[in-house]
Amino acid sequence: MAFTSDLTIAEGIATIRLSGELDAVTAPDFHRTIVSVAALAVHRLVISMHELTYISSAGLRSLVF
Protein backbone atom coordinates (compact mmCIF):
# COMPACT_ATOMS: atom_id res chain seq x y z
CA MET A 1 0.00 0.00 0.00
CA ALA A 2 1.32 3.45 -0.92
CA PHE A 3 2.20 5.88 1.85
CA THR A 4 0.30 9.15 2.19
CA SER A 5 0.41 11.93 4.75
CA ASP A 6 -2.34 14.52 4.70
CA LEU A 7 -1.95 17.74 6.67
CA THR A 8 -4.89 19.84 7.83
CA ILE A 9 -4.82 22.87 10.09
CA ALA A 10 -7.84 24.20 11.91
CA GLU A 11 -8.13 26.43 14.96
CA GLY A 12 -4.43 26.19 15.80
CA ILE A 13 -4.37 22.39 15.60
CA ALA A 14 -2.31 20.67 12.91
CA THR A 15 -3.43 17.13 12.11
CA ILE A 16 -1.30 14.76 10.05
CA ARG A 17 -3.12 11.64 8.87
CA LEU A 18 -0.80 8.82 7.88
CA SER A 19 -1.77 5.78 5.84
CA GLY A 20 0.08 2.95 4.15
CA GLU A 21 3.65 1.94 4.94
CA LEU A 22 6.02 4.29 6.76
CA ASP A 23 9.46 2.87 6.05
CA ALA A 24 12.97 3.95 5.03
CA VAL A 25 11.74 5.01 1.59
CA THR A 26 8.74 7.04 2.77
CA ALA A 27 10.10 8.40 6.08
CA PRO A 28 11.77 11.42 4.40
CA ASP A 29 8.35 12.55 3.08
CA PHE A 30 6.89 12.36 6.58
CA HIS A 31 9.96 14.12 8.00
CA ARG A 32 9.46 17.03 5.57
CA THR A 33 5.84 17.32 6.68
CA ILE A 34 6.88 17.44 10.34
CA VAL A 35 9.48 20.13 9.58
CA SER A 36 6.90 22.23 7.74
CA VAL A 37 4.46 21.98 10.66
CA ALA A 38 7.19 22.95 13.15
CA ALA A 39 7.64 26.22 11.26
CA LEU A 40 3.96 27.11 11.69
CA ALA A 41 2.33 28.81 14.65
CA VAL A 42 0.15 25.90 15.78
CA HIS A 43 -0.74 25.12 19.37
CA ARG A 44 -1.12 21.38 19.01
CA LEU A 45 0.01 18.61 16.68
CA VAL A 46 -2.08 15.47 16.23
CA ILE A 47 -0.63 12.52 14.32
CA SER A 48 -3.30 10.04 13.30
CA MET A 49 -1.72 6.67 12.53
CA HIS A 50 -4.71 4.34 12.60
CA GLU A 51 -4.48 3.79 8.83
CA LEU A 52 -0.78 2.81 8.87
CA THR A 53 -0.29 -0.80 7.86
CA TYR A 54 3.45 -0.90 8.64
CA ILE A 55 6.06 1.22 10.37
CA SER A 56 9.80 0.53 10.29
CA SER A 57 12.56 1.82 12.57
CA ALA A 58 13.12 4.67 10.10
CA GLY A 59 9.47 5.65 10.51
CA LEU A 60 9.80 5.53 14.29
CA ARG A 61 12.88 7.75 14.05
CA SER A 62 10.77 10.35 12.19
CA LEU A 63 8.15 10.21 14.94
CA VAL A 64 10.78 10.77 17.62
CA PHE A 65 12.11 13.78 15.72
PDB file of N, CA and C in Angstrom:
ATOM      1  N   MET A   1       0.837  -1.179   0.000  1.00  0.00           N
ATOM      2  CA  MET A   1       0.000   0.000   0.000  1.00  0.00           C
ATOM      3  C   MET A   1       0.882   1.243   0.000  1.00  0.00           C
ATOM      4  N   ALA A   2       0.537   2.219  -0.803  1.00  0.00           N
ATOM      5  CA  ALA A   2       1.318   3.449  -0.917  1.00  0.00           C
ATOM      6  C   ALA A   2       1.161   4.296   0.337  1.00  0.00           C
ATOM      7  N   PHE A   3       2.215   5.010   0.679  1.00  0.00           N
ATOM      8  CA  PHE A   3       2.204   5.883   1.846  1.00  0.00           C
ATOM      9  C   PHE A   3       1.634   7.238   1.475  1.00  0.00           C
ATOM     10  N   THR A   4       0.779   7.778   2.347  1.00  0.00           N
ATOM     11  CA  THR A   4       0.297   9.148   2.194  1.00  0.00           C
ATOM     12  C   THR A   4       0.301   9.827   3.558  1.00  0.00           C
ATOM     13  N   SER A   5       0.555  11.114   3.533  1.00  0.00           N
ATOM     14  CA  SER A   5       0.414  11.928   4.747  1.00  0.00           C
ATOM     15  C   SER A   5      -0.346  13.180   4.357  1.00  0.00           C
ATOM     16  N   ASP A   6      -1.485  13.380   4.993  1.00  0.00           N
ATOM     17  CA  ASP A   6      -2.343  14.521   4.701  1.00  0.00           C
ATOM     18  C   ASP A   6      -2.325  15.466   5.895  1.00  0.00           C
ATOM     19  N   LEU A   7      -2.027  16.722   5.638  1.00  0.00           N
ATOM     20  CA  LEU A   7      -1.951  17.738   6.674  1.00  0.00           C
ATOM     21  C   LEU A   7      -3.160  18.655   6.593  1.00  0.00           C
ATOM     22  N   THR A   8      -3.829  18.841   7.721  1.00  0.00           N
ATOM     23  CA  THR A   8      -4.893  19.838   7.828  1.00  0.00           C
ATOM     24  C   THR A   8      -4.618  20.696   9.058  1.00  0.00           C
ATOM     25  N   ILE A   9      -4.990  21.948   8.970  1.00  0.00           N
ATOM     26  CA  ILE A   9      -4.815  22.871  10.088  1.00  0.00           C
ATOM     27  C   ILE A   9      -6.134  23.593  10.314  1.00  0.00           C
ATOM     28  N   ALA A  10      -6.601  23.525  11.550  1.00  0.00           N
ATOM     29  CA  ALA A  10      -7.844  24.201  11.910  1.00  0.00           C
ATOM     30  C   ALA A  10      -7.768  24.627  13.367  1.00  0.00           C
ATOM     31  N   GLU A  11      -8.074  25.889  13.613  1.00  0.00           N
ATOM     32  CA  GLU A  11      -8.135  26.432  14.965  1.00  0.00           C
ATOM     33  C   GLU A  11      -6.860  26.187  15.767  1.00  0.00           C
ATOM     34  N   GLY A  12      -5.707  26.346  15.118  1.00  0.00           N
ATOM     35  CA  GLY A  12      -4.430  26.192  15.798  1.00  0.00           C
ATOM     36  C   GLY A  12      -3.985  24.756  16.025  1.00  0.00           C
ATOM     37  N   ILE A  13      -4.710  23.799  15.446  1.00  0.00           N
ATOM     38  CA  ILE A  13      -4.366  22.385  15.596  1.00  0.00           C
ATOM     39  C   ILE A  13      -3.984  21.823  14.230  1.00  0.00           C
ATOM     40  N   ALA A  14      -2.769  21.318  14.142  1.00  0.00           N
ATOM     41  CA  ALA A  14      -2.312  20.669  12.909  1.00  0.00           C
ATOM     42  C   ALA A  14      -2.529  19.163  13.066  1.00  0.00           C
ATOM     43  N   THR A  15      -3.180  18.567  12.097  1.00  0.00           N
ATOM     44  CA  THR A  15      -3.428  17.126  12.109  1.00  0.00           C
ATOM     45  C   THR A  15      -2.773  16.505  10.887  1.00  0.00           C
ATOM     46  N   ILE A  16      -1.935  15.515  11.130  1.00  0.00           N
ATOM     47  CA  ILE A  16      -1.301  14.759  10.045  1.00  0.00           C
ATOM     48  C   ILE A  16      -1.894  13.362  10.070  1.00  0.00           C
ATOM     49  N   ARG A  17      -2.532  12.981   8.983  1.00  0.00           N
ATOM     50  CA  ARG A  17      -3.120  11.641   8.872  1.00  0.00           C
ATOM     51  C   ARG A  17      -2.194  10.795   8.001  1.00  0.00           C
ATOM     52  N   LEU A  18      -1.712   9.710   8.588  1.00  0.00           N
ATOM     53  CA  LEU A  18      -0.797   8.816   7.884  1.00  0.00           C
ATOM     54  C   LEU A  18      -1.531   7.548   7.474  1.00  0.00           C
ATOM     55  N   SER A  19      -1.219   7.062   6.270  1.00  0.00           N
ATOM     56  CA  SER A  19      -1.769   5.785   5.840  1.00  0.00           C
ATOM     57  C   SER A  19      -0.734   5.072   4.974  1.00  0.00           C
ATOM     58  N   GLY A  20      -0.843   3.763   4.946  1.00  0.00           N
ATOM     59  CA  GLY A  20       0.078   2.952   4.148  1.00  0.00           C
ATOM     60  C   GLY A  20       1.271   2.493   4.957  1.00  0.00           C
ATOM     61  N   GLU A  21       2.432   2.458   4.324  1.00  0.00           N
ATOM     62  CA  GLU A  21       3.651   1.939   4.937  1.00  0.00           C
ATOM     63  C   GLU A  21       4.673   3.048   5.144  1.00  0.00           C
ATOM     64  N   LEU A  22       5.013   3.295   6.399  1.00  0.00           N
ATOM     65  CA  LEU A  22       6.017   4.289   6.755  1.00  0.00           C
ATOM     66  C   LEU A  22       7.324   3.554   6.986  1.00  0.00           C
ATOM     67  N   ASP A  23       8.204   3.619   5.997  1.00  0.00           N
ATOM     68  CA  ASP A  23       9.460   2.873   6.050  1.00  0.00           C
ATOM     69  C   ASP A  23      10.625   3.770   5.632  1.00  0.00           C
ATOM     70  N   ALA A  24      11.766   3.176   5.379  1.00  0.00           N
ATOM     71  CA  ALA A  24      12.968   3.947   5.033  1.00  0.00           C
ATOM     72  C   ALA A  24      12.787   4.767   3.752  1.00  0.00           C
ATOM     73  N   VAL A  25      11.963   4.300   2.848  1.00  0.00           N
ATOM     74  CA  VAL A  25      11.738   5.011   1.588  1.00  0.00           C
ATOM     75  C   VAL A  25      10.787   6.190   1.784  1.00  0.00           C
ATOM     76  N   THR A  26       9.763   6.015   2.610  1.00  0.00           N
ATOM     77  CA  THR A  26       8.738   7.041   2.766  1.00  0.00           C
ATOM     78  C   THR A  26       8.966   7.964   3.967  1.00  0.00           C
ATOM     79  N   ALA A  27       9.838   7.584   4.888  1.00  0.00           N
ATOM     80  CA  ALA A  27      10.101   8.402   6.081  1.00  0.00           C
ATOM     81  C   ALA A  27      10.558   9.820   5.745  1.00  0.00           C
ATOM     82  N   PRO A  28      11.389  10.029   4.717  1.00  0.00           N
ATOM     83  CA  PRO A  28      11.771  11.419   4.398  1.00  0.00           C
ATOM     84  C   PRO A  28      10.577  12.318   4.039  1.00  0.00           C
ATOM     85  N   ASP A  29       9.555  11.765   3.388  1.00  0.00           N
ATOM     86  CA  ASP A  29       8.351  12.549   3.078  1.00  0.00           C
ATOM     87  C   ASP A  29       7.655  12.979   4.368  1.00  0.00           C
ATOM     88  N   PHE A  30       7.512  12.046   5.296  1.00  0.00           N
ATOM     89  CA  PHE A  30       6.891  12.361   6.577  1.00  0.00           C
ATOM     90  C   PHE A  30       7.740  13.371   7.348  1.00  0.00           C
ATOM     91  N   HIS A  31       9.039  13.205   7.304  1.00  0.00           N
ATOM     92  CA  HIS A  31       9.955  14.115   7.995  1.00  0.00           C
ATOM     93  C   HIS A  31       9.786  15.547   7.469  1.00  0.00           C
ATOM     94  N   ARG A  32       9.671  15.699   6.163  1.00  0.00           N
ATOM     95  CA  ARG A  32       9.465  17.026   5.574  1.00  0.00           C
ATOM     96  C   ARG A  32       8.148  17.642   6.052  1.00  0.00           C
ATOM     97  N   THR A  33       7.124  16.821   6.189  1.00  0.00           N
ATOM     98  CA  THR A  33       5.843  17.320   6.681  1.00  0.00           C
ATOM     99  C   THR A  33       5.978  17.814   8.114  1.00  0.00           C
ATOM    100  N   ILE A  34       6.675  17.045   8.956  1.00  0.00           N
ATOM    101  CA  ILE A  34       6.884  17.441  10.344  1.00  0.00           C
ATOM    102  C   ILE A  34       7.658  18.759  10.408  1.00  0.00           C
ATOM    103  N   VAL A  35       8.690  18.905   9.598  1.00  0.00           N
ATOM    104  CA  VAL A  35       9.484  20.130   9.583  1.00  0.00           C
ATOM    105  C   VAL A  35       8.620  21.321   9.166  1.00  0.00           C
ATOM    106  N   SER A  36       7.760  21.134   8.182  1.00  0.00           N
ATOM    107  CA  SER A  36       6.902  22.234   7.735  1.00  0.00           C
ATOM    108  C   SER A  36       5.906  22.639   8.823  1.00  0.00           C
ATOM    109  N   VAL A  37       5.395  21.671   9.571  1.00  0.00           N
ATOM    110  CA  VAL A  37       4.459  21.981  10.658  1.00  0.00           C
ATOM    111  C   VAL A  37       5.189  22.706  11.791  1.00  0.00           C
ATOM    112  N   ALA A  38       6.415  22.320  12.070  1.00  0.00           N
ATOM    113  CA  ALA A  38       7.192  22.945  13.146  1.00  0.00           C
ATOM    114  C   ALA A  38       7.416  24.430  12.876  1.00  0.00           C
ATOM    115  N   ALA A  39       7.416  24.811  11.619  1.00  0.00           N
ATOM    116  CA  ALA A  39       7.640  26.217  11.264  1.00  0.00           C
ATOM    117  C   ALA A  39       6.363  27.056  11.386  1.00  0.00           C
ATOM    118  N   LEU A  40       5.234  26.402  11.594  1.00  0.00           N
ATOM    119  CA  LEU A  40       3.957  27.115  11.685  1.00  0.00           C
ATOM    120  C   LEU A  40       3.649  27.473  13.137  1.00  0.00           C
ATOM    121  N   ALA A  41       2.746  28.400  13.304  1.00  0.00           N
ATOM    122  CA  ALA A  41       2.327  28.807  14.647  1.00  0.00           C
ATOM    123  C   ALA A  41       1.084  28.015  15.051  1.00  0.00           C
ATOM    124  N   VAL A  42       1.262  26.734  15.321  1.00  0.00           N
ATOM    125  CA  VAL A  42       0.148  25.903  15.785  1.00  0.00           C
ATOM    126  C   VAL A  42       0.333  25.618  17.271  1.00  0.00           C
ATOM    127  N   HIS A  43      -0.783  25.382  17.937  1.00  0.00           N
ATOM    128  CA  HIS A  43      -0.739  25.124  19.373  1.00  0.00           C
ATOM    129  C   HIS A  43      -0.658  23.642  19.695  1.00  0.00           C
ATOM    130  N   ARG A  44      -1.076  22.817  18.761  1.00  0.00           N
ATOM    131  CA  ARG A  44      -1.119  21.378  19.008  1.00  0.00           C
ATOM    132  C   ARG A  44      -0.877  20.627  17.705  1.00  0.00           C
ATOM    133  N   LEU A  45      -0.214  19.489  17.825  1.00  0.00           N
ATOM    134  CA  LEU A  45       0.011  18.606  16.680  1.00  0.00           C
ATOM    135  C   LEU A  45      -0.604  17.252  16.998  1.00  0.00           C
ATOM    136  N   VAL A  46      -1.457  16.786  16.110  1.00  0.00           N
ATOM    137  CA  VAL A  46      -2.075  15.471  16.230  1.00  0.00           C
ATOM    138  C   VAL A  46      -1.579  14.628  15.065  1.00  0.00           C
ATOM    139  N   ILE A  47      -1.059  13.448  15.369  1.00  0.00           N
ATOM    140  CA  ILE A  47      -0.634  12.522  14.322  1.00  0.00           C
ATOM    141  C   ILE A  47      -1.541  11.306  14.392  1.00  0.00           C
ATOM    142  N   SER A  48      -2.358  11.150  13.381  1.00  0.00           N
ATOM    143  CA  SER A  48      -3.300  10.036  13.302  1.00  0.00           C
ATOM    144  C   SER A  48      -2.643   8.904  12.504  1.00  0.00           C
ATOM    145  N   MET A  49      -2.423   7.782  13.173  1.00  0.00           N
ATOM    146  CA  MET A  49      -1.719   6.670  12.529  1.00  0.00           C
ATOM    147  C   MET A  49      -2.587   5.419  12.402  1.00  0.00           C
ATOM    148  N   HIS A  50      -3.884   5.535  12.608  1.00  0.00           N
ATOM    149  CA  HIS A  50      -4.714   4.338  12.599  1.00  0.00           C
ATOM    150  C   HIS A  50      -4.826   3.682  11.224  1.00  0.00           C
ATOM    151  N   GLU A  51      -4.434   4.384  10.166  1.00  0.00           N
ATOM    152  CA  GLU A  51      -4.475   3.788   8.827  1.00  0.00           C
ATOM    153  C   GLU A  51      -3.110   3.299   8.357  1.00  0.00           C
ATOM    154  N   LEU A  52      -2.081   3.374   9.227  1.00  0.00           N
ATOM    155  CA  LEU A  52      -0.776   2.808   8.868  1.00  0.00           C
ATOM    156  C   LEU A  52      -0.875   1.290   8.894  1.00  0.00           C
ATOM    157  N   THR A  53      -0.311   0.659   7.883  1.00  0.00           N
ATOM    158  CA  THR A  53      -0.291  -0.803   7.858  1.00  0.00           C
ATOM    159  C   THR A  53       1.066  -1.352   8.270  1.00  0.00           C
ATOM    160  N   TYR A  54       2.088  -0.484   8.287  1.00  0.00           N
ATOM    161  CA  TYR A  54       3.447  -0.903   8.644  1.00  0.00           C
ATOM    162  C   TYR A  54       4.252   0.325   9.024  1.00  0.00           C
ATOM    163  N   ILE A  55       5.123   0.164  10.027  1.00  0.00           N
ATOM    164  CA  ILE A  55       6.057   1.222  10.371  1.00  0.00           C
ATOM    165  C   ILE A  55       7.403   0.584  10.712  1.00  0.00           C
ATOM    166  N   SER A  56       8.457   1.068  10.065  1.00  0.00           N
ATOM    167  CA  SER A  56       9.804   0.530  10.289  1.00  0.00           C
ATOM    168  C   SER A  56      10.522   1.395  11.306  1.00  0.00           C
ATOM    169  N   SER A  57      11.750   1.031  11.627  1.00  0.00           N
ATOM    170  CA  SER A  57      12.558   1.817  12.566  1.00  0.00           C
ATOM    171  C   SER A  57      12.819   3.212  12.005  1.00  0.00           C
ATOM    172  N   ALA A  58      12.933   3.342  10.692  1.00  0.00           N
ATOM    173  CA  ALA A  58      13.117   4.667  10.096  1.00  0.00           C
ATOM    174  C   ALA A  58      11.875   5.520  10.310  1.00  0.00           C
ATOM    175  N   GLY A  59      10.713   4.935  10.234  1.00  0.00           N
ATOM    176  CA  GLY A  59       9.471   5.647  10.511  1.00  0.00           C
ATOM    177  C   GLY A  59       9.376   6.070  11.964  1.00  0.00           C
ATOM    178  N   LEU A  60       9.791   5.189  12.868  1.00  0.00           N
ATOM    179  CA  LEU A  60       9.804   5.526  14.287  1.00  0.00           C
ATOM    180  C   LEU A  60      10.770   6.677  14.566  1.00  0.00           C
ATOM    181  N   ARG A  61      11.893   6.672  13.880  1.00  0.00           N
ATOM    182  CA  ARG A  61      12.879   7.751  14.047  1.00  0.00           C
ATOM    183  C   ARG A  61      12.246   9.101  13.656  1.00  0.00           C
ATOM    184  N   SER A  62      11.450   9.119  12.601  1.00  0.00           N
ATOM    185  CA  SER A  62      10.772  10.348  12.190  1.00  0.00           C
ATOM    186  C   SER A  62       9.770  10.806  13.246  1.00  0.00           C
ATOM    187  N   LEU A  63       9.104   9.860  13.880  1.00  0.00           N
ATOM    188  CA  LEU A  63       8.154  10.205  14.935  1.00  0.00           C
ATOM    189  C   LEU A  63       8.861  10.809  16.136  1.00  0.00           C
ATOM    190  N   VAL A  64      10.020  10.279  16.482  1.00  0.00           N
ATOM    191  CA  VAL A  64      10.780  10.771  17.620  1.00  0.00           C
ATOM    192  C   VAL A  64      11.293  12.180  17.352  1.00  0.00           C
ATOM    193  N   PHE A  65      11.614  12.453  16.090  1.00  0.00           N
ATOM    194  CA  PHE A  65      12.108  13.778  15.716  1.00  0.00           C
ATOM    195  C   PHE A  65      11.113  14.831  16.129  1.00  0.00           C
TER     196      PHE A  65
END
